[in-house]
Amino acid sequence: MAQGREREDVPTHFANASLSVRWVQGFPSQNVHFINDNTICYPSGNYVIFINLETKKKTVLQCINGIVGVVATNVPGEVVAFSDRRLKPVIYIYSFPALSRKNKLKGIWETLPATPSHPWN
């Protein structure tokens, strides 16, 4: 999964002018999701990026706990869910286009009963 990466300032000189690259945003080739008929979203570092394909407008949603792990969408409900990337991830569920948080799921693995029917046993 390609993600945005920060780089050290690398100066490039053009006729008494200098240009430095400070930030490059990656675009994943396999982790792009539709959120509705006109909008895609994908993870990029600590953010979920939304792009309206008609207007080219970009909206950014930050994962406050670090790098975005997994992203999933529900097109009919215009809902996006994503997790942070850590051992016991937190899952955030947001409505779109308002980007208001609908739910935050954490610690459910500790409250579920341990039975042979669970795939993680």
PDB file of N, CA and C in Angstrom:
ATOM      1  N   MET A   1       0.843  -1.167   0.000  1.00  0.00           N
ATOM      2  CA  MET A   1       0.000   0.000   0.000  1.00  0.00           C
ATOM      3  C   MET A   1       0.891   1.233   0.000  1.00  0.00           C
ATOM      4  N   ALA A   2       0.768   2.058  -1.002  1.00  0.00           N
ATOM      5  CA  ALA A   2       1.542   3.287  -1.069  1.00  0.00           C
ATOM      6  C   ALA A   2       0.904   4.329  -0.169  1.00  0.00           C
ATOM      7  N   GLN A   3       1.715   5.070   0.507  1.00  0.00           N
ATOM      8  CA  GLN A   3       1.211   6.107   1.385  1.00  0.00           C
ATOM      9  C   GLN A   3       2.064   7.341   1.223  1.00  0.00           C
ATOM     10  N   GLY A   4       1.533   8.480   1.712  1.00  0.00           N
ATOM     11  CA  GLY A   4       2.305   9.707   1.698  1.00  0.00           C
ATOM     12  C   GLY A   4       3.525   9.552   2.578  1.00  0.00           C
ATOM     13  N   ARG A   5       4.608  10.124   2.182  1.00  0.00           N
ATOM     14  CA  ARG A   5       5.830  10.021   2.962  1.00  0.00           C
ATOM     15  C   ARG A   5       6.462  11.404   3.061  1.00  0.00           C
ATOM     16  N   GLU A   6       7.038  11.672   4.222  1.00  0.00           N
ATOM     17  CA  GLU A   6       7.757  12.917   4.391  1.00  0.00           C
ATOM     18  C   GLU A   6       9.193  12.706   3.954  1.00  0.00           C
ATOM     19  N   ARG A   7       9.779  13.743   3.395  1.00  0.00           N
ATOM     20  CA  ARG A   7      11.169  13.669   2.969  1.00  0.00           C
ATOM     21  C   ARG A   7      11.924  14.835   3.556  1.00  0.00           C
ATOM     22  N   GLU A   8      13.198  14.628   3.698  1.00  0.00           N
ATOM     23  CA  GLU A   8      14.065  15.731   4.081  1.00  0.00           C
ATOM     24  C   GLU A   8      14.063  16.754   2.952  1.00  0.00           C
ATOM     25  N   ASP A   9      14.320  18.000   3.288  1.00  0.00           N
ATOM     26  CA  ASP A   9      14.418  19.019   2.247  1.00  0.00           C
ATOM     27  C   ASP A   9      15.572  18.685   1.321  1.00  0.00           C
ATOM     28  N   VAL A  10      15.270  18.528   0.048  1.00  0.00           N
ATOM     29  CA  VAL A  10      16.278  18.233  -0.961  1.00  0.00           C
ATOM     30  C   VAL A  10      16.274  19.397  -1.939  1.00  0.00           C
ATOM     31  N   PRO A  11      17.197  20.331  -1.788  1.00  0.00           N
ATOM     32  CA  PRO A  11      17.168  21.500  -2.659  1.00  0.00           C
ATOM     33  C   PRO A  11      17.515  21.160  -4.106  1.00  0.00           C
ATOM     34  N   THR A  12      16.816  21.789  -5.018  1.00  0.00           N
ATOM     35  CA  THR A  12      17.091  21.697  -6.441  1.00  0.00           C
ATOM     36  C   THR A  12      17.269  23.131  -6.933  1.00  0.00           C
ATOM     37  N   HIS A  13      18.338  23.402  -7.660  1.00  0.00           N
ATOM     38  CA  HIS A  13      18.649  24.771  -8.063  1.00  0.00           C
ATOM     39  C   HIS A  13      18.329  24.996  -9.534  1.00  0.00           C
ATOM     40  N   PHE A  14      17.607  26.074  -9.818  1.00  0.00           N
ATOM     41  CA  PHE A  14      17.269  26.487 -11.172  1.00  0.00           C
ATOM     42  C   PHE A  14      17.550  27.978 -11.294  1.00  0.00           C
ATOM     43  N   ALA A  15      18.575  28.349 -11.973  1.00  0.00           N
ATOM     44  CA  ALA A  15      18.897  29.746 -12.278  1.00  0.00           C
ATOM     45  C   ALA A  15      18.640  30.666 -11.089  1.00  0.00           C
ATOM     46  N   ASN A  16      19.422  30.520 -10.058  1.00  0.00           N
ATOM     47  CA  ASN A  16      19.357  31.345  -8.856  1.00  0.00           C
ATOM     48  C   ASN A  16      18.085  31.152  -8.036  1.00  0.00           C
ATOM     49  N   ALA A  17      17.328  30.115  -8.289  1.00  0.00           N
ATOM     50  CA  ALA A  17      16.137  29.802  -7.482  1.00  0.00           C
ATOM     51  C   ALA A  17      16.306  28.398  -6.915  1.00  0.00           C
ATOM     52  N   SER A  18      15.762  28.183  -5.752  1.00  0.00           N
ATOM     53  CA  SER A  18      15.841  26.831  -5.194  1.00  0.00           C
ATOM     54  C   SER A  18      14.434  26.331  -4.883  1.00  0.00           C
ATOM     55  N   LEU A  19      14.279  25.052  -5.044  1.00  0.00           N
ATOM     56  CA  LEU A  19      13.007  24.392  -4.809  1.00  0.00           C
ATOM     57  C   LEU A  19      13.283  23.184  -3.938  1.00  0.00           C
ATOM     58  N   SER A  20      12.487  22.997  -2.913  1.00  0.00           N
ATOM     59  CA  SER A  20      12.697  21.830  -2.056  1.00  0.00           C
ATOM     60  C   SER A  20      11.391  21.065  -1.896  1.00  0.00           C
ATOM     61  N   VAL A  21      11.511  19.747  -1.910  1.00  0.00           N
ATOM     62  CA  VAL A  21      10.355  18.882  -1.728  1.00  0.00           C
ATOM     63  C   VAL A  21      10.195  18.636  -0.240  1.00  0.00           C
ATOM     64  N   ARG A  22       9.034  18.976   0.312  1.00  0.00           N
ATOM     65  CA  ARG A  22       8.794  18.790   1.737  1.00  0.00           C
ATOM     66  C   ARG A  22       7.826  17.649   2.008  1.00  0.00           C
ATOM     67  N   TRP A  23       6.897  17.381   1.081  1.00  0.00           N
ATOM     68  CA  TRP A  23       5.893  16.360   1.345  1.00  0.00           C
ATOM     69  C   TRP A  23       5.377  15.827   0.029  1.00  0.00           C
ATOM     70  N   VAL A  24       5.255  14.522  -0.059  1.00  0.00           N
ATOM     71  CA  VAL A  24       4.713  13.888  -1.254  1.00  0.00           C
ATOM     72  C   VAL A  24       3.565  12.996  -0.818  1.00  0.00           C
ATOM     73  N   GLN A  25       2.418  13.159  -1.456  1.00  0.00           N
ATOM     74  CA  GLN A  25       1.250  12.360  -1.109  1.00  0.00           C
ATOM     75  C   GLN A  25       1.139  11.190  -2.055  1.00  0.00           C
ATOM     76  N   GLY A  26       1.099  10.000  -1.500  1.00  0.00           N
ATOM     77  CA  GLY A  26       0.997   8.803  -2.320  1.00  0.00           C
ATOM     78  C   GLY A  26      -0.439   8.482  -2.673  1.00  0.00           C
ATOM     79  N   PHE A  27      -0.604   7.654  -3.679  1.00  0.00           N
ATOM     80  CA  PHE A  27      -1.923   7.203  -4.105  1.00  0.00           C
ATOM     81  C   PHE A  27      -1.863   5.692  -4.231  1.00  0.00           C
ATOM     82  N   PRO A  28      -2.627   4.974  -3.403  1.00  0.00           N
ATOM     83  CA  PRO A  28      -2.557   3.512  -3.446  1.00  0.00           C
ATOM     84  C   PRO A  28      -3.219   2.964  -4.699  1.00  0.00           C
ATOM     85  N   SER A  29      -2.676   1.913  -5.230  1.00  0.00           N
ATOM     86  CA  SER A  29      -3.264   1.343  -6.443  1.00  0.00           C
ATOM     87  C   SER A  29      -4.330   0.303  -6.130  1.00  0.00           C
ATOM     88  N   GLN A  30      -4.351  -0.238  -4.918  1.00  0.00           N
ATOM     89  CA  GLN A  30      -5.301  -1.297  -4.596  1.00  0.00           C
ATOM     90  C   GLN A  30      -6.209  -0.968  -3.422  1.00  0.00           C
ATOM     91  N   ASN A  31      -6.119   0.204  -2.852  1.00  0.00           N
ATOM     92  CA  ASN A  31      -6.886   0.508  -1.648  1.00  0.00           C
ATOM     93  C   ASN A  31      -7.757   1.744  -1.842  1.00  0.00           C
ATOM     94  N   VAL A  32      -8.432   1.821  -2.979  1.00  0.00           N
ATOM     95  CA  VAL A  32      -9.322   2.940  -3.289  1.00  0.00           C
ATOM     96  C   VAL A  32     -10.754   2.439  -3.189  1.00  0.00           C
ATOM     97  N   HIS A  33     -11.599   3.208  -2.519  1.00  0.00           N
ATOM     98  CA  HIS A  33     -12.984   2.805  -2.283  1.00  0.00           C
ATOM     99  C   HIS A  33     -13.933   3.907  -2.731  1.00  0.00           C
ATOM    100  N   PHE A  34     -15.083   3.528  -3.275  1.00  0.00           N
ATOM    101  CA  PHE A  34     -16.139   4.496  -3.549  1.00  0.00           C
ATOM    102  C   PHE A  34     -16.924   4.714  -2.266  1.00  0.00           C
ATOM    103  N   ILE A  35     -17.248   5.974  -1.978  1.00  0.00           N
ATOM    104  CA  ILE A  35     -18.103   6.307  -0.845  1.00  0.00           C
ATOM    105  C   ILE A  35     -19.504   6.669  -1.339  1.00  0.00           C
ATOM    106  N   ASN A  36     -19.592   7.136  -2.591  1.00  0.00           N
ATOM    107  CA  ASN A  36     -20.861   7.329  -3.300  1.00  0.00           C
ATOM    108  C   ASN A  36     -20.548   7.294  -4.794  1.00  0.00           C
ATOM    109  N   ASP A  37     -21.514   7.636  -5.623  1.00  0.00           N
ATOM    110  CA  ASP A  37     -21.305   7.537  -7.072  1.00  0.00           C
ATOM    111  C   ASP A  37     -20.214   8.462  -7.595  1.00  0.00           C
ATOM    112  N   ASN A  38     -19.934   9.554  -6.882  1.00  0.00           N
ATOM    113  CA  ASN A  38     -19.006  10.566  -7.383  1.00  0.00           C
ATOM    114  C   ASN A  38     -17.727  10.706  -6.570  1.00  0.00           C
ATOM    115  N   THR A  39     -17.603   9.997  -5.457  1.00  0.00           N
ATOM    116  CA  THR A  39     -16.492  10.240  -4.543  1.00  0.00           C
ATOM    117  C   THR A  39     -15.754   8.948  -4.216  1.00  0.00           C
ATOM    118  N   ILE A  40     -14.423   9.029  -4.294  1.00  0.00           N
ATOM    119  CA  ILE A  40     -13.570   7.924  -3.862  1.00  0.00           C
ATOM    120  C   ILE A  40     -12.849   8.332  -2.584  1.00  0.00           C
ATOM    121  N   CYS A  41     -12.355   7.342  -1.857  1.00  0.00           N
ATOM    122  CA  CYS A  41     -11.518   7.631  -0.699  1.00  0.00           C
ATOM    123  C   CYS A  41     -10.406   6.595  -0.629  1.00  0.00           C
ATOM    124  N   TYR A  42      -9.315   6.983   0.004  1.00  0.00           N
ATOM    125  CA  TYR A  42      -8.176   6.082   0.163  1.00  0.00           C
ATOM    126  C   TYR A  42      -7.336   6.554   1.346  1.00  0.00           C
ATOM    127  N   PRO A  43      -6.613   5.641   1.989  1.00  0.00           N
ATOM    128  CA  PRO A  43      -5.751   6.040   3.097  1.00  0.00           C
ATOM    129  C   PRO A  43      -4.436   6.613   2.583  1.00  0.00           C
ATOM    130  N   SER A  44      -3.928   7.594   3.310  1.00  0.00           N
ATOM    131  CA  SER A  44      -2.628   8.175   2.993  1.00  0.00           C
ATOM    132  C   SER A  44      -1.990   8.628   4.299  1.00  0.00           C
ATOM    133  N   GLY A  45      -1.123   7.805   4.842  1.00  0.00           N
ATOM    134  CA  GLY A  45      -0.479   8.147   6.109  1.00  0.00           C
ATOM    135  C   GLY A  45      -1.491   8.202   7.238  1.00  0.00           C
ATOM    136  N   ASN A  46      -1.579   9.353   7.905  1.00  0.00           N
ATOM    137  CA  ASN A  46      -2.508   9.542   9.021  1.00  0.00           C
ATOM    138  C   ASN A  46      -3.877  10.030   8.568  1.00  0.00           C
ATOM    139  N   TYR A  47      -4.167   9.984   7.284  1.00  0.00           N
ATOM    140  CA  TYR A  47      -5.391  10.582   6.756  1.00  0.00           C
ATOM    141  C   TYR A  47      -6.163   9.616   5.870  1.00  0.00           C
ATOM    142  N   VAL A  48      -7.471   9.865   5.781  1.00  0.00           N
ATOM    143  CA  VAL A  48      -8.298   9.276   4.739  1.00  0.00           C
ATOM    144  C   VAL A  48      -8.627  10.437   3.810  1.00  0.00           C
ATOM    145  N   ILE A  49      -8.270  10.308   2.542  1.00  0.00           N
ATOM    146  CA  ILE A  49      -8.460  11.354   1.542  1.00  0.00           C
ATOM    147  C   ILE A  49      -9.720  11.034   0.744  1.00  0.00           C
ATOM    148  N   PHE A  50     -10.589  12.028   0.582  1.00  0.00           N
ATOM    149  CA  PHE A  50     -11.799  11.899  -0.225  1.00  0.00           C
ATOM    150  C   PHE A  50     -11.647  12.811  -1.436  1.00  0.00           C
ATOM    151  N   ILE A  51     -11.931  12.301  -2.627  1.00  0.00           N
ATOM    152  CA  ILE A  51     -11.858  13.113  -3.842  1.00  0.00           C
ATOM    153  C   ILE A  51     -13.162  12.969  -4.605  1.00  0.00           C
ATOM    154  N   ASN A  52     -13.808  14.117  -4.862  1.00  0.00           N
ATOM    155  CA  ASN A  52     -14.995  14.132  -5.708  1.00  0.00           C
ATOM    156  C   ASN A  52     -14.510  14.072  -7.147  1.00  0.00           C
ATOM    157  N   LEU A  53     -14.911  13.052  -7.879  1.00  0.00           N
ATOM    158  CA  LEU A  53     -14.407  12.841  -9.232  1.00  0.00           C
ATOM    159  C   LEU A  53     -14.932  13.861 -10.226  1.00  0.00           C
ATOM    160  N   GLU A  54     -16.075  14.496  -9.936  1.00  0.00           N
ATOM    161  CA  GLU A  54     -16.618  15.507 -10.848  1.00  0.00           C
ATOM    162  C   GLU A  54     -15.980  16.870 -10.619  1.00  0.00           C
ATOM    163  N   THR A  55     -15.901  17.294  -9.354  1.00  0.00           N
ATOM    164  CA  THR A  55     -15.398  18.634  -9.048  1.00  0.00           C
ATOM    165  C   THR A  55     -13.906  18.656  -8.735  1.00  0.00           C
ATOM    166  N   LYS A  56     -13.305  17.480  -8.516  1.00  0.00           N
ATOM    167  CA  LYS A  56     -11.893  17.333  -8.118  1.00  0.00           C
ATOM    168  C   LYS A  56     -11.628  17.906  -6.727  1.00  0.00           C
ATOM    169  N   LYS A  57     -12.689  18.189  -5.967  1.00  0.00           N
ATOM    170  CA  LYS A  57     -12.529  18.711  -4.610  1.00  0.00           C
ATOM    171  C   LYS A  57     -11.995  17.610  -3.705  1.00  0.00           C
ATOM    172  N   LYS A  58     -11.003  17.957  -2.888  1.00  0.00           N
ATOM    173  CA  LYS A  58     -10.369  17.012  -1.978  1.00  0.00           C
ATOM    174  C   LYS A  58     -10.749  17.367  -0.542  1.00  0.00           C
ATOM    175  N   THR A  59     -11.156  16.359   0.224  1.00  0.00           N
ATOM    176  CA  THR A  59     -11.466  16.512   1.638  1.00  0.00           C
ATOM    177  C   THR A  59     -10.604  15.520   2.402  1.00  0.00           C
ATOM    178  N   VAL A  60     -10.138  15.927   3.571  1.00  0.00           N
ATOM    179  CA  VAL A  60      -9.201  15.119   4.337  1.00  0.00           C
ATOM    180  C   VAL A  60      -9.771  14.858   5.728  1.00  0.00           C
ATOM    181  N   LEU A  61      -9.686  13.609   6.173  1.00  0.00           N
ATOM    182  CA  LEU A  61     -10.105  13.216   7.517  1.00  0.00           C
ATOM    183  C   LEU A  61      -8.892  12.619   8.217  1.00  0.00           C
ATOM    184  N   GLN A  62      -8.532  13.174   9.374  1.00  0.00           N
ATOM    185  CA  GLN A  62      -7.325  12.739  10.072  1.00  0.00           C
ATOM    186  C   GLN A  62      -7.627  11.624  11.070  1.00  0.00           C
ATOM    187  N   CYS A  63      -6.758  10.636  11.105  1.00  0.00           N
ATOM    188  CA  CYS A  63      -6.779   9.592  12.135  1.00  0.00           C
ATOM    189  C   CYS A  63      -5.887  10.097  13.263  1.00  0.00           C
ATOM    190  N   ILE A  64      -6.474  10.463  14.376  1.00  0.00           N
ATOM    191  CA  ILE A  64      -5.705  11.127  15.430  1.00  0.00           C
ATOM    192  C   ILE A  64      -4.743  10.197  16.156  1.00  0.00           C
ATOM    193  N   ASN A  65      -4.934   8.875  16.013  1.00  0.00           N
ATOM    194  CA  ASN A  65      -4.065   7.927  16.714  1.00  0.00           C
ATOM    195  C   ASN A  65      -2.928   7.389  15.865  1.00  0.00           C
ATOM    196  N   GLY A  66      -2.697   7.942  14.701  1.00  0.00           N
ATOM    197  CA  GLY A  66      -1.578   7.478  13.896  1.00  0.00           C
ATOM    198  C   GLY A  66      -1.991   7.058  12.507  1.00  0.00           C
ATOM    199  N   ILE A  67      -1.188   6.209  11.906  1.00  0.00           N
ATOM    200  CA  ILE A  67      -1.375   5.794  10.519  1.00  0.00           C
ATOM    201  C   ILE A  67      -2.667   5.003  10.366  1.00  0.00           C
ATOM    202  N   VAL A  68      -3.385   5.275   9.278  1.00  0.00           N
ATOM    203  CA  VAL A  68      -4.618   4.560   8.971  1.00  0.00           C
ATOM    204  C   VAL A  68      -4.266   3.141   8.551  1.00  0.00           C
ATOM    205  N   GLY A  69      -4.959   2.168   9.122  1.00  0.00           N
ATOM    206  CA  GLY A  69      -4.731   0.772   8.782  1.00  0.00           C
ATOM    207  C   GLY A  69      -5.650   0.312   7.667  1.00  0.00           C
ATOM    208  N   VAL A  70      -6.856  -0.068   8.014  1.00  0.00           N
ATOM    209  CA  VAL A  70      -7.827  -0.615   7.070  1.00  0.00           C
ATOM    210  C   VAL A  70      -8.940   0.399   6.850  1.00  0.00           C
ATOM    211  N   VAL A  71      -9.425   0.487   5.601  1.00  0.00           N
ATOM    212  CA  VAL A  71     -10.549   1.363   5.258  1.00  0.00           C
ATOM    213  C   VAL A  71     -11.639   0.512   4.633  1.00  0.00           C
ATOM    214  N   ALA A  72     -12.889   0.790   5.008  1.00  0.00           N
ATOM    215  CA  ALA A  72     -14.043   0.123   4.402  1.00  0.00           C
ATOM    216  C   ALA A  72     -15.147   1.156   4.233  1.00  0.00           C
ATOM    217  N   THR A  73     -15.955   0.994   3.194  1.00  0.00           N
ATOM    218  CA  THR A  73     -17.051   1.931   2.951  1.00  0.00           C
ATOM    219  C   THR A  73     -18.358   1.179   2.773  1.00  0.00           C
ATOM    220  N   ASN A  74     -19.454   1.902   2.981  1.00  0.00           N
ATOM    221  CA  ASN A  74     -20.793   1.409   2.703  1.00  0.00           C
ATOM    222  C   ASN A  74     -21.441   2.455   1.816  1.00  0.00           C
ATOM    223  N   VAL A  75     -21.518   2.164   0.512  1.00  0.00           N
ATOM    224  CA  VAL A  75     -22.003   3.148  -0.460  1.00  0.00           C
ATOM    225  C   VAL A  75     -23.452   3.545  -0.200  1.00  0.00           C
ATOM    226  N   PRO A  76     -24.399   2.596  -0.010  1.00  0.00           N
ATOM    227  CA  PRO A  76     -25.787   3.030   0.211  1.00  0.00           C
ATOM    228  C   PRO A  76     -25.946   3.924   1.445  1.00  0.00           C
ATOM    229  N   GLY A  77     -25.184   3.650   2.491  1.00  0.00           N
ATOM    230  CA  GLY A  77     -25.286   4.446   3.708  1.00  0.00           C
ATOM    231  C   GLY A  77     -24.354   5.636   3.746  1.00  0.00           C
ATOM    232  N   GLU A  78     -23.496   5.784   2.743  1.00  0.00           N
ATOM    233  CA  GLU A  78     -22.469   6.830   2.703  1.00  0.00           C
ATOM    234  C   GLU A  78     -21.736   6.901   4.045  1.00  0.00           C
ATOM    235  N   VAL A  79     -21.144   5.762   4.407  1.00  0.00           N
ATOM    236  CA  VAL A  79     -20.410   5.628   5.658  1.00  0.00           C
ATOM    237  C   VAL A  79     -19.017   5.104   5.337  1.00  0.00           C
ATOM    238  N   VAL A  80     -18.023   5.632   6.043  1.00  0.00           N
ATOM    239  CA  VAL A  80     -16.656   5.136   5.918  1.00  0.00           C
ATOM    240  C   VAL A  80     -16.189   4.697   7.303  1.00  0.00           C
ATOM    241  N   ALA A  81     -15.511   3.561   7.351  1.00  0.00           N
ATOM    242  CA  ALA A  81     -14.931   3.068   8.599  1.00  0.00           C
ATOM    243  C   ALA A  81     -13.442   2.858   8.360  1.00  0.00           C
ATOM    244  N   PHE A  82     -12.641   3.196   9.348  1.00  0.00           N
ATOM    245  CA  PHE A  82     -11.205   2.962   9.236  1.00  0.00           C
ATOM    246  C   PHE A  82     -10.638   2.671  10.611  1.00  0.00           C
ATOM    247  N   SER A  83      -9.508   1.999  10.611  1.00  0.00           N
ATOM    248  CA  SER A  83      -8.829   1.688  11.866  1.00  0.00           C
ATOM    249  C   SER A  83      -7.463   2.350  11.865  1.00  0.00           C
ATOM    250  N   ASP A  84      -6.937   2.519  13.073  1.00  0.00           N
ATOM    251  CA  ASP A  84      -5.543   2.928  13.154  1.00  0.00           C
ATOM    252  C   ASP A  84      -4.700   1.663  13.056  1.00  0.00           C
ATOM    253  N   ARG A  85      -3.424   1.836  12.791  1.00  0.00           N
ATOM    254  CA  ARG A  85      -2.544   0.686  12.584  1.00  0.00           C
ATOM    255  C   ARG A  85      -1.737   0.438  13.861  1.00  0.00           C
ATOM    256  N   ARG A  86      -2.266  -0.459  14.682  1.00  0.00           N
ATOM    257  CA  ARG A  86      -1.555  -0.867  15.893  1.00  0.00           C
ATOM    258  C   ARG A  86      -2.069  -2.232  16.329  1.00  0.00           C
ATOM    259  N   LEU A  87      -1.477  -2.798  17.373  1.00  0.00           N
ATOM    260  CA  LEU A  87      -1.797  -4.159  17.784  1.00  0.00           C
ATOM    261  C   LEU A  87      -3.274  -4.332  18.137  1.00  0.00           C
ATOM    262  N   LYS A  88      -3.829  -3.429  18.914  1.00  0.00           N
ATOM    263  CA  LYS A  88      -5.257  -3.460  19.253  1.00  0.00           C
ATOM    264  C   LYS A  88      -5.889  -2.195  18.673  1.00  0.00           C
ATOM    265  N   PRO A  89      -6.264  -2.238  17.407  1.00  0.00           N
ATOM    266  CA  PRO A  89      -6.717  -1.021  16.729  1.00  0.00           C
ATOM    267  C   PRO A  89      -8.073  -0.524  17.220  1.00  0.00           C
ATOM    268  N   VAL A  90      -8.268   0.763  17.049  1.00  0.00           N
ATOM    269  CA  VAL A  90      -9.558   1.399  17.277  1.00  0.00           C
ATOM    270  C   VAL A  90     -10.189   1.584  15.906  1.00  0.00           C
ATOM    271  N   ILE A  91     -11.482   1.288  15.790  1.00  0.00           N
ATOM    272  CA  ILE A  91     -12.200   1.444  14.525  1.00  0.00           C
ATOM    273  C   ILE A  91     -13.104   2.658  14.642  1.00  0.00           C
ATOM    274  N   TYR A  92     -12.983   3.568  13.690  1.00  0.00           N
ATOM    275  CA  TYR A  92     -13.787   4.785  13.663  1.00  0.00           C
ATOM    276  C   TYR A  92     -14.782   4.688  12.518  1.00  0.00           C
ATOM    277  N   ILE A  93     -16.013   5.097  12.765  1.00  0.00           N
ATOM    278  CA  ILE A  93     -17.054   5.082  11.736  1.00  0.00           C
ATOM    279  C   ILE A  93     -17.572   6.507  11.580  1.00  0.00           C
ATOM    280  N   TYR A  94     -17.507   7.020  10.337  1.00  0.00           N
ATOM    281  CA  TYR A  94     -17.910   8.392  10.033  1.00  0.00           C
ATOM    282  C   TYR A  94     -18.971   8.403   8.942  1.00  0.00           C
ATOM    283  N   SER A  95     -19.868   9.378   9.031  1.00  0.00           N
ATOM    284  CA  SER A  95     -20.840   9.588   7.955  1.00  0.00           C
ATOM    285  C   SER A  95     -20.201  10.498   6.912  1.00  0.00           C
ATOM    286  N   PHE A  96     -20.667  10.382   5.700  1.00  0.00           N
ATOM    287  CA  PHE A  96     -20.161  11.212   4.608  1.00  0.00           C
ATOM    288  C   PHE A  96     -21.355  11.864   3.930  1.00  0.00           C
ATOM    289  N   PRO A  97     -21.321  13.123   3.565  1.00  0.00           N
ATOM    290  CA  PRO A  97     -20.182  14.037   3.462  1.00  0.00           C
ATOM    291  C   PRO A  97     -19.912  14.875   4.709  1.00  0.00           C
ATOM    292  N   ALA A  98     -20.742  14.764   5.742  1.00  0.00           N
ATOM    293  CA  ALA A  98     -20.554  15.598   6.931  1.00  0.00           C
ATOM    294  C   ALA A  98     -19.267  15.268   7.687  1.00  0.00           C
ATOM    295  N   LEU A  99     -18.768  14.045   7.527  1.00  0.00           N
ATOM    296  CA  LEU A  99     -17.595  13.555   8.254  1.00  0.00           C
ATOM    297  C   LEU A  99     -17.774  13.709   9.763  1.00  0.00           C
ATOM    298  N   SER A 100     -18.981  13.409  10.220  1.00  0.00           N
ATOM    299  CA  SER A 100     -19.241  13.399  11.655  1.00  0.00           C
ATOM    300  C   SER A 100     -19.093  11.964  12.153  1.00  0.00           C
ATOM    301  N   ARG A 101     -18.457  11.833  13.307  1.00  0.00           N
ATOM    302  CA  ARG A 101     -18.201  10.494  13.831  1.00  0.00           C
ATOM    303  C   ARG A 101     -19.497   9.877  14.341  1.00  0.00           C
ATOM    304  N   LYS A 102     -19.798   8.683  13.844  1.00  0.00           N
ATOM    305  CA  LYS A 102     -20.993   7.958  14.262  1.00  0.00           C
ATOM    306  C   LYS A 102     -20.684   7.003  15.405  1.00  0.00           C
ATOM    307  N   ASN A 103     -19.457   6.448  15.401  1.00  0.00           N
ATOM    308  CA  ASN A 103     -19.111   5.474  16.424  1.00  0.00           C
ATOM    309  C   ASN A 103     -17.602   5.304  16.512  1.00  0.00           C
ATOM    310  N   LYS A 104     -17.160   4.839  17.657  1.00  0.00           N
ATOM    311  CA  LYS A 104     -15.749   4.510  17.891  1.00  0.00           C
ATOM    312  C   LYS A 104     -15.747   3.155  18.590  1.00  0.00           C
ATOM    313  N   LEU A 105     -15.146   2.161  17.951  1.00  0.00           N
ATOM    314  CA  LEU A 105     -15.143   0.800  18.488  1.00  0.00           C
ATOM    315  C   LEU A 105     -13.755   0.455  18.997  1.00  0.00           C
ATOM    316  N   LYS A 106     -13.669   0.099  20.249  1.00  0.00           N
ATOM    317  CA  LYS A 106     -12.379  -0.329  20.790  1.00  0.00           C
ATOM    318  C   LYS A 106     -12.615  -1.344  21.891  1.00  0.00           C
ATOM    319  N   GLY A 107     -11.702  -2.269  22.020  1.00  0.00           N
ATOM    320  CA  GLY A 107     -11.747  -3.240  23.085  1.00  0.00           C
ATOM    321  C   GLY A 107     -12.792  -4.323  22.939  1.00  0.00           C
ATOM    322  N   ILE A 108     -13.389  -4.485  21.755  1.00  0.00           N
ATOM    323  CA  ILE A 108     -14.443  -5.490  21.636  1.00  0.00           C
ATOM    324  C   ILE A 108     -13.887  -6.901  21.703  1.00  0.00           C
ATOM    325  N   TRP A 109     -12.611  -7.092  21.379  1.00  0.00           N
ATOM    326  CA  TRP A 109     -12.018  -8.424  21.426  1.00  0.00           C
ATOM    327  C   TRP A 109     -11.932  -8.926  22.861  1.00  0.00           C
ATOM    328  N   GLU A 110     -11.944  -8.035  23.846  1.00  0.00           N
ATOM    329  CA  GLU A 110     -11.870  -8.448  25.241  1.00  0.00           C
ATOM    330  C   GLU A 110     -13.245  -8.789  25.815  1.00  0.00           C
ATOM    331  N   THR A 111     -14.320  -8.325  25.188  1.00  0.00           N
ATOM    332  CA  THR A 111     -15.653  -8.547  25.727  1.00  0.00           C
ATOM    333  C   THR A 111     -16.382  -9.689  25.047  1.00  0.00           C
ATOM    334  N   LEU A 112     -15.890 -10.159  23.907  1.00  0.00           N
ATOM    335  CA  LEU A 112     -16.540 -11.264  23.218  1.00  0.00           C
ATOM    336  C   LEU A 112     -16.188 -12.580  23.900  1.00  0.00           C
ATOM    337  N   PRO A 113     -17.155 -13.481  24.027  1.00  0.00           N
ATOM    338  CA  PRO A 113     -16.852 -14.770  24.665  1.00  0.00           C
ATOM    339  C   PRO A 113     -15.924 -15.613  23.800  1.00  0.00           C
ATOM    340  N   ALA A 114     -15.047 -16.334  24.421  1.00  0.00           N
ATOM    341  CA  ALA A 114     -14.119 -17.207  23.691  1.00  0.00           C
ATOM    342  C   ALA A 114     -14.812 -18.539  23.430  1.00  0.00           C
ATOM    343  N   THR A 115     -15.203 -18.757  22.192  1.00  0.00           N
ATOM    344  CA  THR A 115     -15.852 -20.008  21.805  1.00  0.00           C
ATOM    345  C   THR A 115     -15.166 -20.551  20.568  1.00  0.00           C
ATOM    346  N   PRO A 116     -15.299 -21.843  20.308  1.00  0.00           N
ATOM    347  CA  PRO A 116     -14.666 -22.421  19.112  1.00  0.00           C
ATOM    348  C   PRO A 116     -15.200 -21.846  17.803  1.00  0.00           C
ATOM    349  N   SER A 117     -16.371 -21.195  17.840  1.00  0.00           N
ATOM    350  CA  SER A 117     -16.939 -20.657  16.600  1.00  0.00           C
ATOM    351  C   SER A 117     -16.266 -19.371  16.153  1.00  0.00           C
ATOM    352  N   HIS A 118     -15.509 -18.720  17.038  1.00  0.00           N
ATOM    353  CA  HIS A 118     -14.827 -17.490  16.649  1.00  0.00           C
ATOM    354  C   HIS A 118     -13.584 -17.825  15.838  1.00  0.00           C
ATOM    355  N   PRO A 119     -13.381 -17.157  14.713  1.00  0.00           N
ATOM    356  CA  PRO A 119     -12.255 -17.497  13.835  1.00  0.00           C
ATOM    357  C   PRO A 119     -10.888 -17.218  14.437  1.00  0.00           C
ATOM    358  N   TRP A 120     -10.794 -16.383  15.466  1.00  0.00           N
ATOM    359  CA  TRP A 120      -9.488 -16.065  16.022  1.00  0.00           C
ATOM    360  C   TRP A 120      -9.084 -17.029  17.132  1.00  0.00           C
ATOM    361  N   ASN A 121      -9.900 -18.031  17.437  1.00  0.00           N
ATOM    362  CA  ASN A 121      -9.532 -19.046  18.440  1.00  0.00           C
ATOM    363  C   ASN A 121      -8.844 -20.213  17.782  1.00  0.00           C
TER     364      ASN A 121
END
